[in-house]
């Protein structure tokens, strides 16, 4: 499921580093998305596209997973140029 359009700021930020999976309990990120660890989906805020997408995902039985983000210090100057993405010419 694509939560957000490819043009979203959050996805643009994620493309700048190396993403990797981390152990998760299925509720990761709730506090950062909704401001509370315990969220009632019936009354959860849906002011942003991310909040709406997460509520829909959870209502459909999905879970959230945690991930890590790595940007090496020597690559900070490359931020904005997606230093860990490989593009293939077509």
Protein backbone atom coordinates (compact mmCIF):
# COMPACT_ATOMS: atom_id res chain seq x y z
CA UNK A 1 0.00 0.00 0.00
CA UNK A 2 1.31 3.43 -0.88
CA UNK A 3 0.46 5.71 2.04
CA UNK A 4 1.53 8.94 0.42
CA UNK A 5 2.04 10.31 -3.08
CA UNK A 6 5.62 10.12 -4.36
CA UNK A 7 5.76 13.93 -4.20
CA UNK A 8 5.23 14.07 -0.41
CA UNK A 9 7.83 15.82 1.75
CA UNK A 10 8.17 12.80 4.03
CA UNK A 11 9.04 10.49 1.14
CA UNK A 12 11.40 13.09 -0.32
CA UNK A 13 13.23 13.17 3.02
CA UNK A 14 13.38 9.36 3.19
CA UNK A 15 14.97 9.20 -0.26
CA UNK A 16 17.96 11.15 1.09
CA UNK A 17 19.18 8.37 3.36
CA UNK A 18 19.50 4.62 3.59
CA UNK A 19 16.40 2.98 5.09
CA UNK A 20 16.59 -0.29 6.99
CA UNK A 21 14.10 -2.42 8.97
CA UNK A 22 14.07 -2.57 12.75
CA UNK A 23 12.21 -4.77 15.27
CA UNK A 24 8.65 -3.58 15.67
CA UNK A 25 5.58 -4.19 17.81
CA UNK A 26 3.12 -3.00 15.15
CA UNK A 27 2.29 0.32 16.80
CA UNK A 28 5.50 2.18 16.01
CA UNK A 29 5.09 5.81 15.09
CA UNK A 30 1.66 6.32 16.63
CA UNK A 31 2.91 9.04 19.00
CA UNK A 32 4.70 10.90 16.23
CA UNK A 33 1.73 10.69 13.87
CA UNK A 34 -1.12 11.31 16.34
CA UNK A 35 0.50 12.75 19.48
CA UNK A 36 -0.52 9.76 21.59
CA UNK A 37 0.58 6.13 21.86
CA UNK A 38 -2.99 4.90 22.35
CA UNK A 39 -5.25 5.99 19.52
CA UNK A 40 -8.92 5.18 19.07
CA UNK A 41 -9.36 4.88 15.30
CA UNK A 42 -12.94 6.14 15.59
CA UNK A 43 -11.76 9.48 16.98
CA UNK A 44 -8.19 9.68 15.68
CA UNK A 45 -7.20 13.02 14.16
CA UNK A 46 -7.21 13.00 10.37
CA UNK A 47 -5.95 16.47 9.62
CA UNK A 48 -3.04 15.32 7.42
CA UNK A 49 -2.72 12.95 4.48
CA UNK A 50 -0.45 10.75 6.61
CA UNK A 51 -2.98 10.55 9.45
CA UNK A 52 -5.77 9.65 7.02
CA UNK A 53 -3.63 7.01 5.32
CA UNK A 54 -2.54 5.44 8.61
CA UNK A 55 -6.10 5.32 9.97
CA UNK A 56 -7.30 3.64 6.76
CA UNK A 57 -4.39 1.18 6.86
CA UNK A 58 -5.04 0.24 10.49
CA UNK A 59 -8.80 -0.06 9.92
CA UNK A 60 -8.01 -2.52 7.12
CA UNK A 61 -6.09 -4.66 9.61
CA UNK A 62 -2.63 -3.38 8.79
CA UNK A 63 0.17 -2.69 11.24
CA UNK A 64 2.87 -0.08 11.40
CA UNK A 65 6.52 -1.08 11.28
CA UNK A 66 9.59 0.73 12.48
CA UNK A 67 12.53 1.54 10.29
CA UNK A 68 15.87 3.23 10.63
CA UNK A 69 17.40 6.01 8.57
CA UNK A 70 21.13 6.31 7.95
CA UNK A 71 23.06 9.15 6.39
CA UNK A 72 26.83 8.92 6.71
CA UNK A 73 28.59 12.10 7.84
CA UNK A 74 30.64 12.20 4.64
CA UNK A 75 27.39 12.24 2.65
CA UNK A 76 25.72 15.16 4.47
CA UNK A 77 26.92 17.51 1.73
CA UNK A 78 25.06 15.31 -0.78
CA UNK A 79 21.74 15.71 1.07
CA UNK A 80 19.13 16.69 -1.47
CA UNK A 81 20.73 14.58 -4.19
CA UNK A 82 19.55 11.15 -2.99
CA UNK A 83 23.08 9.81 -2.37
CA UNK A 84 21.99 6.20 -1.76
CA UNK A 85 19.66 5.82 -4.72
CA UNK A 86 20.76 3.98 -7.82
CA UNK A 87 19.13 5.05 -11.02
CA UNK A 88 19.08 2.93 -14.13
CA UNK A 89 19.11 4.56 -17.54
CA UNK A 90 16.26 3.39 -19.71
